[in-house]
Protein backbone atom coordinates (compact mmCIF):
# COMPACT_ATOMS: atom_id res chain seq x y z
CA UNK A 1 -23.07 32.00 25.48
CA UNK A 2 -21.99 28.76 25.01
CA UNK A 3 -21.90 25.25 24.16
CA UNK A 4 -19.83 23.13 26.39
CA UNK A 5 -16.60 21.62 25.22
CA UNK A 6 -18.13 18.17 24.88
CA UNK A 7 -20.84 19.47 22.55
CA UNK A 8 -18.31 20.98 20.17
CA UNK A 9 -15.99 17.99 20.16
CA UNK A 10 -15.79 16.12 16.88
CA UNK A 11 -14.01 12.91 16.23
CA UNK A 12 -11.29 13.25 13.65
CA UNK A 13 -10.06 10.14 11.89
CA UNK A 14 -6.34 10.42 11.31
CA UNK A 15 -5.69 7.10 9.63
CA UNK A 16 -8.44 7.33 7.01
CA UNK A 17 -9.11 3.59 7.16
CA UNK A 18 -12.86 3.95 7.64
CA UNK A 19 -13.68 4.16 3.94
CA UNK A 20 -14.36 0.87 2.17
CA UNK A 21 -12.82 2.33 -0.97
CA UNK A 22 -9.57 3.06 0.87
CA UNK A 23 -9.46 -0.46 2.32
CA UNK A 24 -10.05 -2.09 -1.06
CA UNK A 25 -7.62 0.23 -2.86
CA UNK A 26 -4.80 -0.43 -0.36
CA UNK A 27 -5.41 -4.17 -0.54
CA UNK A 28 -5.25 -4.12 -4.35
CA UNK A 29 -2.09 -1.99 -4.28
CA UNK A 30 -0.46 -4.45 -1.85
CA UNK A 31 -1.32 -7.41 -4.08
CA UNK A 32 -0.09 -5.62 -7.20
CA UNK A 33 3.20 -4.75 -5.51
CA UNK A 34 3.69 -8.34 -4.38
CA UNK A 35 2.77 -10.13 -7.59
CA UNK A 36 3.19 -7.67 -10.47
CA UNK A 37 6.01 -5.69 -8.88
CA UNK A 38 8.20 -8.72 -8.45
CA UNK A 39 7.54 -10.35 -11.84
CA UNK A 40 6.37 -8.13 -14.68
CA UNK A 41 8.10 -4.88 -13.74
CA UNK A 42 11.63 -6.40 -13.77
CA UNK A 43 10.79 -8.18 -17.03
CA UNK A 44 9.62 -4.94 -18.64
CA UNK A 45 12.63 -3.05 -17.32
CA UNK A 46 15.10 -5.63 -18.60
CA UNK A 47 13.49 -6.59 -21.90
CA UNK A 48 11.68 -3.44 -23.04
CA UNK A 49 13.73 -0.65 -21.48
CA UNK A 50 17.08 -2.52 -21.74
CA UNK A 51 18.05 -1.77 -18.16
CA UNK A 52 20.72 -3.94 -16.53
CA UNK A 53 19.43 -7.31 -15.35
CA UNK A 54 20.57 -6.95 -11.74
CA UNK A 55 19.13 -3.43 -11.48
CA UNK A 56 15.75 -4.66 -12.68
CA UNK A 57 15.83 -7.58 -10.26
CA UNK A 58 16.75 -5.15 -7.47
CA UNK A 59 13.74 -2.99 -8.28
CA UNK A 60 11.56 -6.10 -8.26
CA UNK A 61 12.83 -7.10 -4.82
CA UNK A 62 12.21 -3.60 -3.47
CA UNK A 63 8.65 -3.60 -4.84
CA UNK A 64 8.04 -7.04 -3.34
CA UNK A 65 9.27 -5.89 0.08
CA UNK A 66 7.07 -2.78 -0.10
CA UNK A 67 4.08 -4.98 -0.90
CA UNK A 68 4.81 -7.27 2.05
CA UNK A 69 5.22 -4.29 4.40
CA UNK A 70 1.91 -2.83 3.21
CA UNK A 71 0.23 -6.22 3.63
CA UNK A 72 1.53 -6.55 7.20
CA UNK A 73 0.31 -3.01 7.95
CA UNK A 74 -3.16 -3.86 6.64
CA UNK A 75 -3.28 -7.06 8.67
CA UNK A 76 -2.28 -5.23 11.86
CA UNK A 77 -4.93 -2.57 11.25
CA UNK A 78 -7.43 -5.43 10.80
CA UNK A 79 -8.30 -4.37 7.26
CA UNK A 80 -7.43 -7.89 6.10
CA UNK A 81 -8.48 -10.64 8.47
């Protein structure tokens, strides 16, 4: 009747970090958040969209912090060595 429990067991990857595409995409996103998020986005918000200077700088700081947090996460998961 049956297959034993060990024969039916499958490994399920929860984190999804096994794909090379995912690793590269997350690394590029982290770098974009750190460099583009803290420089060009506030410039575009202030100059093009005419948003308040301090609000645009605040958004830039938040994007920079998100990029650093993502970078630290990738380093701890050994995606970036």
